[in-house]
Amino acid sequence: MGIQMAWDDTQPIVHIRFERQWTWDELYAVQTRFADMVEPIEGQADVLVNLSQFRNLGSGFSMRKLNEYVTKPHPKARFVIVYGASPVLVPIINTILRPIHGYNLSLATNEAEAYSLLTTLHERAKTEQ
């Protein structure tokens, strides 16, 4: 499978990892799999998306489907942090995905930075309550 999903060992965090070869159908299925994973939990889950192996746009690309995918976030998704994106993908994420996403989307360079950013976002959210 070209897109792997798993729970973090200690926190309510869903890890999504793109492998070199993946399809858009697999990406669209991530929404259903995410919903199935988080439905039983109380509260929300954070999402860490690893794009370090991401090399192409996958097969079956459709702007219409991409728009449907990114504009329908799950209500149990809290903070989404994308890390490992190539320098080519960063402007795409910043220009296209971030403005239309319905939940908090941030970028990090690597997994350690993603966890650090997640901690910062949680601390900031606590002070804003």
N, C-alpha and C. Protein backbone atom coordinates (compact mmCIF):
# COMPACT_ATOMS: atom_id res chain seq x y z
N MET A 1 0.85 -1.18 0.00
CA MET A 1 0.00 0.00 0.00
C MET A 1 0.89 1.24 0.00
N GLY A 2 0.51 2.24 -0.77
CA GLY A 2 1.33 3.43 -0.95
C GLY A 2 1.17 4.49 0.10
N ILE A 3 0.12 4.41 0.93
CA ILE A 3 -0.07 5.36 2.02
C ILE A 3 -0.36 4.56 3.28
N GLN A 4 0.51 4.70 4.26
CA GLN A 4 0.38 3.96 5.51
C GLN A 4 -0.21 4.86 6.60
N MET A 5 -1.04 4.29 7.45
CA MET A 5 -1.62 5.02 8.58
C MET A 5 -1.46 4.19 9.83
N ALA A 6 -1.12 4.88 10.94
CA ALA A 6 -0.98 4.18 12.22
C ALA A 6 -1.13 5.18 13.36
N TRP A 7 -1.56 4.67 14.51
CA TRP A 7 -1.63 5.48 15.71
C TRP A 7 -0.23 5.65 16.28
N ASP A 8 0.01 6.79 16.92
CA ASP A 8 1.22 7.00 17.70
C ASP A 8 1.16 6.05 18.90
N ASP A 9 2.30 5.66 19.41
CA ASP A 9 2.34 4.72 20.53
C ASP A 9 1.84 5.31 21.84
N THR A 10 1.93 6.64 22.01
CA THR A 10 1.63 7.21 23.32
C THR A 10 0.61 8.34 23.32
N GLN A 11 0.31 8.91 22.17
CA GLN A 11 -0.56 10.09 22.11
C GLN A 11 -1.64 9.90 21.06
N PRO A 12 -2.73 10.70 21.15
CA PRO A 12 -3.75 10.61 20.10
C PRO A 12 -3.29 11.34 18.82
N ILE A 13 -2.36 10.69 18.14
CA ILE A 13 -1.80 11.22 16.89
C ILE A 13 -1.88 10.13 15.83
N VAL A 14 -2.42 10.47 14.69
CA VAL A 14 -2.44 9.54 13.57
C VAL A 14 -1.28 9.91 12.65
N HIS A 15 -0.45 8.93 12.35
CA HIS A 15 0.66 9.12 11.43
C HIS A 15 0.22 8.65 10.04
N ILE A 16 0.44 9.50 9.05
CA ILE A 16 0.16 9.15 7.66
C ILE A 16 1.48 9.28 6.91
N ARG A 17 1.91 8.19 6.26
CA ARG A 17 3.19 8.19 5.56
C ARG A 17 2.97 7.82 4.09
N PHE A 18 3.40 8.72 3.23
CA PHE A 18 3.34 8.47 1.79
C PHE A 18 4.60 7.73 1.38
N GLU A 19 4.44 6.64 0.65
CA GLU A 19 5.58 5.93 0.08
C GLU A 19 5.83 6.48 -1.32
N ARG A 20 6.89 6.03 -1.96
CA ARG A 20 7.24 6.54 -3.29
C ARG A 20 6.12 6.33 -4.30
N GLN A 21 5.50 5.18 -4.27
CA GLN A 21 4.42 4.86 -5.21
C GLN A 21 3.09 4.85 -4.45
N TRP A 22 2.17 5.70 -4.86
CA TRP A 22 0.86 5.76 -4.24
C TRP A 22 -0.13 6.22 -5.30
N THR A 23 -1.41 6.06 -5.01
CA THR A 23 -2.45 6.49 -5.95
C THR A 23 -3.41 7.45 -5.26
N TRP A 24 -4.13 8.20 -6.05
CA TRP A 24 -5.12 9.12 -5.50
C TRP A 24 -6.27 8.37 -4.85
N ASP A 25 -6.59 7.20 -5.38
CA ASP A 25 -7.63 6.39 -4.75
C ASP A 25 -7.23 6.03 -3.31
N GLU A 26 -5.94 5.74 -3.11
CA GLU A 26 -5.46 5.46 -1.75
C GLU A 26 -5.60 6.70 -0.87
N LEU A 27 -5.29 7.86 -1.43
CA LEU A 27 -5.43 9.10 -0.66
C LEU A 27 -6.88 9.34 -0.27
N TYR A 28 -7.80 9.15 -1.21
CA TYR A 28 -9.21 9.35 -0.91
C TYR A 28 -9.69 8.36 0.15
N ALA A 29 -9.13 7.15 0.15
CA ALA A 29 -9.51 6.14 1.14
C ALA A 29 -8.99 6.51 2.53
N VAL A 30 -7.97 7.38 2.60
CA VAL A 30 -7.43 7.80 3.89
C VAL A 30 -8.52 8.47 4.73
N GLN A 31 -9.40 9.24 4.10
CA GLN A 31 -10.46 9.91 4.86
C GLN A 31 -11.34 8.89 5.59
N THR A 32 -11.73 7.85 4.90
CA THR A 32 -12.57 6.82 5.51
C THR A 32 -11.80 6.10 6.60
N ARG A 33 -10.56 5.76 6.33
CA ARG A 33 -9.75 5.06 7.33
C ARG A 33 -9.53 5.94 8.55
N PHE A 34 -9.28 7.24 8.33
CA PHE A 34 -9.10 8.17 9.44
C PHE A 34 -10.37 8.22 10.29
N ALA A 35 -11.51 8.36 9.64
CA ALA A 35 -12.78 8.42 10.36
C ALA A 35 -12.99 7.16 11.19
N ASP A 36 -12.68 6.01 10.63
CA ASP A 36 -12.82 4.75 11.37
C ASP A 36 -11.89 4.70 12.58
N MET A 37 -10.69 5.25 12.42
CA MET A 37 -9.71 5.22 13.50
C MET A 37 -10.11 6.14 14.65
N VAL A 38 -10.57 7.35 14.33
CA VAL A 38 -10.81 8.35 15.38
C VAL A 38 -12.21 8.32 15.96
N GLU A 39 -13.15 7.65 15.30
CA GLU A 39 -14.53 7.65 15.79
C GLU A 39 -14.64 7.18 17.24
N PRO A 40 -13.94 6.12 17.64
CA PRO A 40 -14.11 5.65 19.01
C PRO A 40 -13.45 6.54 20.09
N ILE A 41 -12.56 7.44 19.71
CA ILE A 41 -11.86 8.22 20.73
C ILE A 41 -12.69 9.40 21.20
N GLU A 42 -12.40 9.84 22.41
CA GLU A 42 -13.03 11.03 22.94
C GLU A 42 -12.14 12.22 22.57
N GLY A 43 -12.71 13.30 22.12
CA GLY A 43 -11.91 14.46 21.74
C GLY A 43 -11.40 14.36 20.32
N GLN A 44 -10.27 15.03 20.08
CA GLN A 44 -9.72 15.08 18.74
C GLN A 44 -8.35 14.42 18.67
N ALA A 45 -7.91 14.15 17.46
CA ALA A 45 -6.58 13.57 17.22
C ALA A 45 -5.79 14.51 16.32
N ASP A 46 -4.51 14.54 16.54
CA ASP A 46 -3.63 15.30 15.66
C ASP A 46 -3.17 14.37 14.54
N VAL A 47 -2.66 14.98 13.47
CA VAL A 47 -2.24 14.21 12.31
C VAL A 47 -0.83 14.67 11.90
N LEU A 48 0.08 13.72 11.78
CA LEU A 48 1.41 14.00 11.26
C LEU A 48 1.53 13.29 9.91
N VAL A 49 1.79 14.08 8.87
CA VAL A 49 1.87 13.56 7.51
C VAL A 49 3.32 13.58 7.06
N ASN A 50 3.87 12.41 6.79
CA ASN A 50 5.26 12.27 6.38
C ASN A 50 5.34 12.20 4.85
N LEU A 51 5.91 13.25 4.26
CA LEU A 51 6.07 13.28 2.80
C LEU A 51 7.52 13.07 2.37
N SER A 52 8.36 12.55 3.25
CA SER A 52 9.78 12.42 2.93
C SER A 52 10.04 11.47 1.75
N GLN A 53 9.14 10.52 1.50
CA GLN A 53 9.30 9.61 0.36
C GLN A 53 8.47 10.03 -0.85
N PHE A 54 7.67 11.07 -0.69
CA PHE A 54 6.77 11.57 -1.75
C PHE A 54 7.61 12.07 -2.92
N ARG A 55 7.38 11.53 -4.11
CA ARG A 55 8.18 11.92 -5.27
C ARG A 55 7.35 12.39 -6.46
N ASN A 56 6.06 12.06 -6.49
CA ASN A 56 5.25 12.46 -7.63
C ASN A 56 3.80 12.64 -7.19
N LEU A 57 2.98 13.12 -8.08
CA LEU A 57 1.58 13.37 -7.75
C LEU A 57 0.71 12.13 -7.79
N GLY A 58 1.29 10.98 -8.00
CA GLY A 58 0.50 9.75 -7.99
C GLY A 58 -0.37 9.64 -9.23
N SER A 59 -0.95 8.47 -9.41
CA SER A 59 -1.81 8.26 -10.57
C SER A 59 -3.25 8.56 -10.21
N GLY A 60 -4.03 8.99 -11.17
CA GLY A 60 -5.45 9.27 -10.96
C GLY A 60 -5.73 10.66 -10.43
N PHE A 61 -4.81 11.62 -10.64
CA PHE A 61 -4.98 12.98 -10.13
C PHE A 61 -6.16 13.68 -10.77
N SER A 62 -6.92 14.40 -9.95
CA SER A 62 -8.04 15.19 -10.42
C SER A 62 -8.16 16.40 -9.50
N MET A 63 -8.14 17.62 -10.04
CA MET A 63 -8.28 18.83 -9.22
C MET A 63 -9.63 18.82 -8.50
N ARG A 64 -10.67 18.34 -9.15
CA ARG A 64 -11.99 18.28 -8.52
C ARG A 64 -11.94 17.40 -7.28
N LYS A 65 -11.34 16.21 -7.42
CA LYS A 65 -11.25 15.30 -6.28
C LYS A 65 -10.34 15.85 -5.20
N LEU A 66 -9.25 16.50 -5.60
CA LEU A 66 -8.36 17.11 -4.62
C LEU A 66 -9.12 18.17 -3.83
N ASN A 67 -9.89 18.99 -4.52
CA ASN A 67 -10.67 20.03 -3.85
C ASN A 67 -11.67 19.43 -2.87
N GLU A 68 -12.34 18.35 -3.27
CA GLU A 68 -13.28 17.66 -2.37
C GLU A 68 -12.54 17.11 -1.16
N TYR A 69 -11.38 16.57 -1.39
CA TYR A 69 -10.62 15.94 -0.32
C TYR A 69 -10.17 16.96 0.72
N VAL A 70 -9.58 18.06 0.27
CA VAL A 70 -8.99 19.00 1.23
C VAL A 70 -10.00 19.94 1.86
N THR A 71 -11.19 20.05 1.32
CA THR A 71 -12.15 20.96 1.91
C THR A 71 -13.16 20.27 2.82
N LYS A 72 -12.99 18.99 3.04
CA LYS A 72 -13.89 18.25 3.92
C LYS A 72 -13.10 17.60 5.06
N PRO A 73 -12.54 18.40 5.95
CA PRO A 73 -11.77 17.81 7.04
C PRO A 73 -12.69 17.11 8.04
N HIS A 74 -12.16 16.12 8.68
CA HIS A 74 -12.92 15.40 9.70
C HIS A 74 -12.97 16.26 10.96
N PRO A 75 -14.11 16.33 11.63
CA PRO A 75 -14.22 17.18 12.83
C PRO A 75 -13.32 16.73 13.98
N LYS A 76 -12.83 15.51 13.95
CA LYS A 76 -11.94 15.04 15.02
C LYS A 76 -10.46 15.28 14.70
N ALA A 77 -10.17 15.87 13.55
CA ALA A 77 -8.79 16.22 13.21
C ALA A 77 -8.48 17.58 13.83
N ARG A 78 -7.50 17.63 14.68
CA ARG A 78 -7.17 18.90 15.34
C ARG A 78 -6.06 19.61 14.58
N PHE A 79 -4.81 19.33 14.90
CA PHE A 79 -3.69 19.95 14.20
C PHE A 79 -3.13 18.96 13.19
N VAL A 80 -2.85 19.46 12.00
CA VAL A 80 -2.25 18.64 10.95
C VAL A 80 -0.88 19.25 10.64
N ILE A 81 0.14 18.44 10.76
CA ILE A 81 1.50 18.90 10.46
C ILE A 81 2.07 18.02 9.38
N VAL A 82 2.46 18.66 8.30
CA VAL A 82 3.08 17.98 7.16
C VAL A 82 4.58 18.18 7.29
N TYR A 83 5.33 17.10 7.21
CA TYR A 83 6.79 17.24 7.29
C TYR A 83 7.48 16.40 6.22
N GLY A 84 8.71 16.79 5.93
CA GLY A 84 9.50 16.06 4.94
C GLY A 84 9.16 16.42 3.51
N ALA A 85 8.40 17.48 3.29
CA ALA A 85 8.03 17.87 1.92
C ALA A 85 9.25 18.43 1.19
N SER A 86 9.36 18.10 -0.07
CA SER A 86 10.47 18.60 -0.87
C SER A 86 10.30 20.10 -1.09
N PRO A 87 11.39 20.80 -1.43
CA PRO A 87 11.29 22.24 -1.70
C PRO A 87 10.29 22.57 -2.82
N VAL A 88 10.02 21.63 -3.70
CA VAL A 88 9.04 21.85 -4.77
C VAL A 88 7.62 21.82 -4.21
N LEU A 89 7.37 20.95 -3.23
CA LEU A 89 6.02 20.81 -2.67
C LEU A 89 5.65 21.91 -1.69
N VAL A 90 6.61 22.48 -0.99
CA VAL A 90 6.31 23.47 0.04
C VAL A 90 5.49 24.64 -0.52
N PRO A 91 5.86 25.25 -1.65
CA PRO A 91 5.02 26.34 -2.17
C PRO A 91 3.62 25.87 -2.57
N ILE A 92 3.50 24.65 -3.06
CA ILE A 92 2.19 24.11 -3.43
C ILE A 92 1.32 23.99 -2.18
N ILE A 93 1.90 23.47 -1.12
CA ILE A 93 1.16 23.32 0.13
C ILE A 93 0.75 24.69 0.66
N ASN A 94 1.70 25.63 0.65
CA ASN A 94 1.42 26.98 1.17
C ASN A 94 0.41 27.75 0.32
N THR A 95 0.46 27.56 -0.99
CA THR A 95 -0.39 28.33 -1.89
C THR A 95 -1.77 27.73 -2.09
N ILE A 96 -1.83 26.41 -2.20
CA ILE A 96 -3.09 25.75 -2.54
C ILE A 96 -3.76 25.12 -1.33
N LEU A 97 -3.04 24.30 -0.60
CA LEU A 97 -3.68 23.53 0.46
C LEU A 97 -3.96 24.34 1.72
N ARG A 98 -2.99 25.09 2.18
CA ARG A 98 -3.18 25.79 3.47
C ARG A 98 -4.37 26.75 3.45
N PRO A 99 -4.55 27.59 2.42
CA PRO A 99 -5.69 28.52 2.46
C PRO A 99 -7.06 27.85 2.40
N ILE A 100 -7.17 26.68 1.77
CA ILE A 100 -8.49 26.08 1.63
C ILE A 100 -8.77 25.00 2.66
N HIS A 101 -7.76 24.64 3.44
CA HIS A 101 -7.97 23.60 4.45
C HIS A 101 -8.85 24.12 5.55
N GLY A 102 -9.72 23.27 6.05
CA GLY A 102 -10.64 23.67 7.10
C GLY A 102 -10.10 23.46 8.50
N TYR A 103 -8.88 23.02 8.65
CA TYR A 103 -8.30 22.87 9.98
C TYR A 103 -6.86 23.34 9.96
N ASN A 104 -6.24 23.38 11.12
CA ASN A 104 -4.89 23.92 11.26
C ASN A 104 -3.86 23.06 10.53
N LEU A 105 -3.24 23.63 9.52
CA LEU A 105 -2.24 22.93 8.73
C LEU A 105 -0.92 23.67 8.87
N SER A 106 0.10 22.96 9.31
CA SER A 106 1.42 23.55 9.50
C SER A 106 2.46 22.69 8.79
N LEU A 107 3.62 23.29 8.54
CA LEU A 107 4.73 22.59 7.90
C LEU A 107 5.91 22.47 8.84
N ALA A 108 6.60 21.35 8.76
CA ALA A 108 7.83 21.12 9.52
C ALA A 108 8.83 20.45 8.60
N THR A 109 10.09 20.57 8.94
CA THR A 109 11.14 19.98 8.11
C THR A 109 11.25 18.48 8.30
N ASN A 110 11.16 18.02 9.56
CA ASN A 110 11.34 16.60 9.85
C ASN A 110 10.42 16.19 11.01
N GLU A 111 10.47 14.93 11.37
CA GLU A 111 9.56 14.42 12.40
C GLU A 111 9.80 15.06 13.76
N ALA A 112 11.06 15.26 14.14
CA ALA A 112 11.36 15.88 15.43
C ALA A 112 10.79 17.30 15.49
N GLU A 113 10.95 18.04 14.41
CA GLU A 113 10.39 19.39 14.36
C GLU A 113 8.87 19.35 14.39
N ALA A 114 8.27 18.35 13.75
CA ALA A 114 6.81 18.22 13.75
C ALA A 114 6.30 18.01 15.17
N TYR A 115 6.94 17.13 15.94
CA TYR A 115 6.53 16.92 17.32
C TYR A 115 6.72 18.18 18.16
N SER A 116 7.81 18.88 17.95
CA SER A 116 8.06 20.13 18.69
C SER A 116 6.98 21.17 18.36
N LEU A 117 6.66 21.30 17.09
CA LEU A 117 5.62 22.24 16.66
C LEU A 117 4.27 21.84 17.25
N LEU A 118 3.99 20.56 17.28
CA LEU A 118 2.73 20.08 17.84
C LEU A 118 2.63 20.46 19.32
N THR A 119 3.72 20.31 20.06
CA THR A 119 3.74 20.71 21.46
C THR A 119 3.45 22.20 21.61
N THR A 120 4.07 23.01 20.76
CA THR A 120 3.85 24.46 20.78
C THR A 120 2.39 24.80 20.48
N LEU A 121 1.82 24.15 19.48
CA LEU A 121 0.43 24.40 19.12
C LEU A 121 -0.52 24.03 20.26
N HIS A 122 -0.25 22.93 20.95
CA HIS A 122 -1.09 22.52 22.07
C HIS A 122 -0.97 23.52 23.23
N GLU A 123 0.24 23.97 23.50
CA GLU A 123 0.44 24.96 24.57
C GLU A 123 -0.28 26.26 24.24
N ARG A 124 -0.18 26.69 22.99
CA ARG A 124 -0.85 27.92 22.55
C ARG A 124 -2.36 27.78 22.65
N ALA A 125 -2.88 26.63 22.29
CA ALA A 125 -4.33 26.39 22.36
C ALA A 125 -4.82 26.43 23.81
N LYS A 126 -4.01 25.93 24.75
CA LYS A 126 -4.40 25.95 26.16
C LYS A 126 -4.49 27.38 26.68
N THR A 127 -3.56 28.23 26.27
CA THR A 127 -3.58 29.61 26.76
C THR A 127 -4.70 30.43 26.13
N GLU A 128 -5.18 30.00 24.97
CA GLU A 128 -6.26 30.73 24.29
C GLU A 128 -7.64 30.34 24.80
N GLN A 129 -7.73 29.31 25.61
CA GLN A 129 -9.03 28.85 26.11
C GLN A 129 -9.58 29.77 27.17
